[in-house]
C-alpha atoms as a PDB file:
ATOM      1  CA  UNK A   1       7.640   3.037  10.738  1.00  0.00           C
ATOM      2  CA  UNK A   2      11.054   4.584   9.982  1.00  0.00           C
ATOM      3  CA  UNK A   3      14.240   3.425  11.729  1.00  0.00           C
ATOM      4  CA  UNK A   4      16.925   6.103  12.233  1.00  0.00           C
ATOM      5  CA  UNK A   5      20.495   5.059  12.835  1.00  0.00           C
ATOM      6  CA  UNK A   6      23.971   6.349  12.402  1.00  0.00           C
ATOM      7  CA  UNK A   7      26.570   4.944   9.958  1.00  0.00           C
ATOM      8  CA  UNK A   8      28.613   3.182  12.702  1.00  0.00           C
ATOM      9  CA  UNK A   9      25.472   1.457  14.193  1.00  0.00           C
ATOM     10  CA  UNK A  10      24.187   0.586  10.720  1.00  0.00           C
ATOM     11  CA  UNK A  11      27.522  -1.079   9.819  1.00  0.00           C
ATOM     12  CA  UNK A  12      27.581  -3.022  13.051  1.00  0.00           C
ATOM     13  CA  UNK A  13      23.991  -4.289  12.592  1.00  0.00           C
ATOM     14  CA  UNK A  14      23.898  -4.467   8.772  1.00  0.00           C
ATOM     15  CA  UNK A  15      22.490  -7.885   8.276  1.00  0.00           C
ATOM     16  CA  UNK A  16      19.743  -7.298  10.920  1.00  0.00           C
ATOM     17  CA  UNK A  17      18.848  -3.975   9.320  1.00  0.00           C
ATOM     18  CA  UNK A  18      18.605  -5.605   5.851  1.00  0.00           C
ATOM     19  CA  UNK A  19      16.212  -8.198   7.324  1.00  0.00           C
ATOM     20  CA  UNK A  20      13.977  -5.549   8.793  1.00  0.00           C
ATOM     21  CA  UNK A  21      13.961  -3.729   5.545  1.00  0.00           C
ATOM     22  CA  UNK A  22      13.029  -6.761   3.430  1.00  0.00           C
ATOM     23  CA  UNK A  23      10.955  -8.811   5.804  1.00  0.00           C
ATOM     24  CA  UNK A  24       9.146  -6.013   7.810  1.00  0.00           C
ATOM     25  CA  UNK A  25       9.094  -3.347   4.967  1.00  0.00           C
ATOM     26  CA  UNK A  26      10.894  -0.866   7.305  1.00  0.00           C
ATOM     27  CA  UNK A  27      12.554   2.196   5.967  1.00  0.00           C
ATOM     28  CA  UNK A  28      16.046   2.941   7.402  1.00  0.00           C
ATOM     29  CA  UNK A  29      17.531   6.415   7.621  1.00  0.00           C
ATOM     30  CA  UNK A  30      21.247   6.511   8.057  1.00  0.00           C
ATOM     31  CA  UNK A  31      22.612   9.622   9.437  1.00  0.00           C
ATOM     32  CA  UNK A  32      26.160  10.538   8.327  1.00  0.00           C
ATOM     33  CA  UNK A  33      28.176  13.186  10.065  1.00  0.00           C
ATOM     34  CA  UNK A  34      28.567  16.218   7.786  1.00  0.00           C
ATOM     35  CA  UNK A  35      26.890  14.451   4.906  1.00  0.00           C
ATOM     36  CA  UNK A  36      23.372  14.068   3.645  1.00  0.00           C
ATOM     37  CA  UNK A  37      21.338  11.288   5.168  1.00  0.00           C
ATOM     38  CA  UNK A  38      20.631   8.094   3.129  1.00  0.00           C
ATOM     39  CA  UNK A  39      17.415   6.008   3.123  1.00  0.00           C
ATOM     40  CA  UNK A  40      17.376   2.220   2.542  1.00  0.00           C
ATOM     41  CA  UNK A  41      14.262   0.488   1.337  1.00  0.00           C
ATOM     42  CA  UNK A  42      13.546  -2.886  -0.214  1.00  0.00           C
ATOM     43  CA  UNK A  43      14.262  -3.022  -3.934  1.00  0.00           C
ATOM     44  CA  UNK A  44      10.705  -4.131  -4.739  1.00  0.00           C
ATOM     45  CA  UNK A  45       9.306  -1.075  -2.696  1.00  0.00           C
ATOM     46  CA  UNK A  46      11.528   1.200  -4.834  1.00  0.00           C
ATOM     47  CA  UNK A  47      10.326  -0.484  -8.113  1.00  0.00           C
ATOM     48  CA  UNK A  48       6.786   0.051  -6.930  1.00  0.00           C
ATOM     49  CA  UNK A  49       7.364   3.700  -6.049  1.00  0.00           C
ATOM     50  CA  UNK A  50       9.126   4.362  -9.374  1.00  0.00           C
ATOM     51  CA  UNK A  51       6.361   2.781 -11.348  1.00  0.00           C
ATOM     52  CA  UNK A  52       3.752   4.746  -9.543  1.00  0.00           C
ATOM     53  CA  UNK A  53       5.677   7.890 -10.117  1.00  0.00           C
ATOM     54  CA  UNK A  54       5.982   7.138 -13.775  1.00  0.00           C
ATOM     55  CA  UNK A  55       2.183   6.365 -14.157  1.00  0.00           C
ATOM     56  CA  UNK A  56       1.277   9.622 -12.382  1.00  0.00           C
ATOM     57  CA  UNK A  57       3.751  11.782 -14.165  1.00  0.00           C
ATOM     58  CA  UNK A  58       1.303  12.573 -16.964  1.00  0.00           C
ATOM     59  CA  UNK A  59      -1.605  14.689 -15.597  1.00  0.00           C
ATOM     60  CA  UNK A  60      -3.970  13.038 -18.059  1.00  0.00           C
ATOM     61  CA  UNK A  61      -2.901   9.515 -17.040  1.00  0.00           C
ATOM     62  CA  UNK A  62      -3.071  10.493 -13.308  1.00  0.00           C
ATOM     63  CA  UNK A  63      -6.582  11.839 -13.730  1.00  0.00           C
ATOM     64  CA  UNK A  64      -7.754   8.663 -15.600  1.00  0.00           C
ATOM     65  CA  UNK A  65      -6.133   6.380 -12.971  1.00  0.00           C
ATOM     66  CA  UNK A  66      -7.490   8.321  -9.988  1.00  0.00           C
ATOM     67  CA  UNK A  67     -10.925   8.468 -11.617  1.00  0.00           C
ATOM     68  CA  UNK A  68     -10.914   4.681 -12.113  1.00  0.00           C
ATOM     69  CA  UNK A  69      -9.810   4.176  -8.547  1.00  0.00           C
ATOM     70  CA  UNK A  70     -12.606   6.337  -7.331  1.00  0.00           C
ATOM     71  CA  UNK A  71     -15.162   4.427  -9.317  1.00  0.00           C
ATOM     72  CA  UNK A  72     -13.594   1.081  -8.099  1.00  0.00           C
ATOM     73  CA  UNK A  73     -13.965   2.287  -4.449  1.00  0.00           C
ATOM     74  CA  UNK A  74     -17.533   3.194  -4.944  1.00  0.00           C
ATOM     75  CA  UNK A  75     -18.179  -0.093  -6.754  1.00  0.00           C
ATOM     76  CA  UNK A  76     -19.331   1.776  -9.873  1.00  0.00           C
ATOM     77  CA  UNK A  77     -18.613   0.727 -13.440  1.00  0.00           C
ATOM     78  CA  UNK A  78     -18.676  -2.471 -15.493  1.00  0.00           C
ATOM     79  CA  UNK A  79     -17.095  -5.659 -14.430  1.00  0.00           C
ATOM     80  CA  UNK A  80     -15.349  -7.942 -16.836  1.00  0.00           C
ATOM     81  CA  UNK A  81     -14.291 -11.523 -16.662  1.00  0.00           C
ATOM     82  CA  UNK A  82     -10.565 -12.274 -17.088  1.00  0.00           C
ATOM     83  CA  UNK A  83     -11.267 -13.670 -20.579  1.00  0.00           C
ATOM     84  CA  UNK A  84     -13.245 -10.472 -21.645  1.00  0.00           C
ATOM     85  CA  UNK A  85     -10.501  -8.271 -20.202  1.00  0.00           C
ATOM     86  CA  UNK A  86      -7.803 -10.223 -22.192  1.00  0.00           C
ATOM     87  CA  UNK A  87      -9.845  -9.770 -25.295  1.00  0.00           C
ATOM     88  CA  UNK A  88     -10.336  -6.004 -24.692  1.00  0.00           C
ATOM     89  CA  UNK A  89      -6.565  -5.314 -24.215  1.00  0.00           C
ATOM     90  CA  UNK A  90      -5.401  -7.734 -26.983  1.00  0.00           C
ATOM     91  CA  UNK A  91      -3.886 -10.515 -24.788  1.00  0.00           C
ATOM     92  CA  UNK A  92      -5.689 -13.452 -26.182  1.00  0.00           C
END
């Protein structure tokens, strides 16, 4: 759910808004008279969105990831133990 408020109300309720953003994962849109609106989200949400955008930026990587996701949803493919996966990616 998105919360819309204006600058004055946001300033008056700033601590409560920050709590809703971080605890309830709400997005807050602050409307500013004569200026572009601003969105506030939790820093961890921004990091997640940024990482997802980075991973999907390459069409080849996006195709590979979406294909893997599709297989996982359909419960297709091989399963690996944690130890086997570490060996496969060189983390032993």
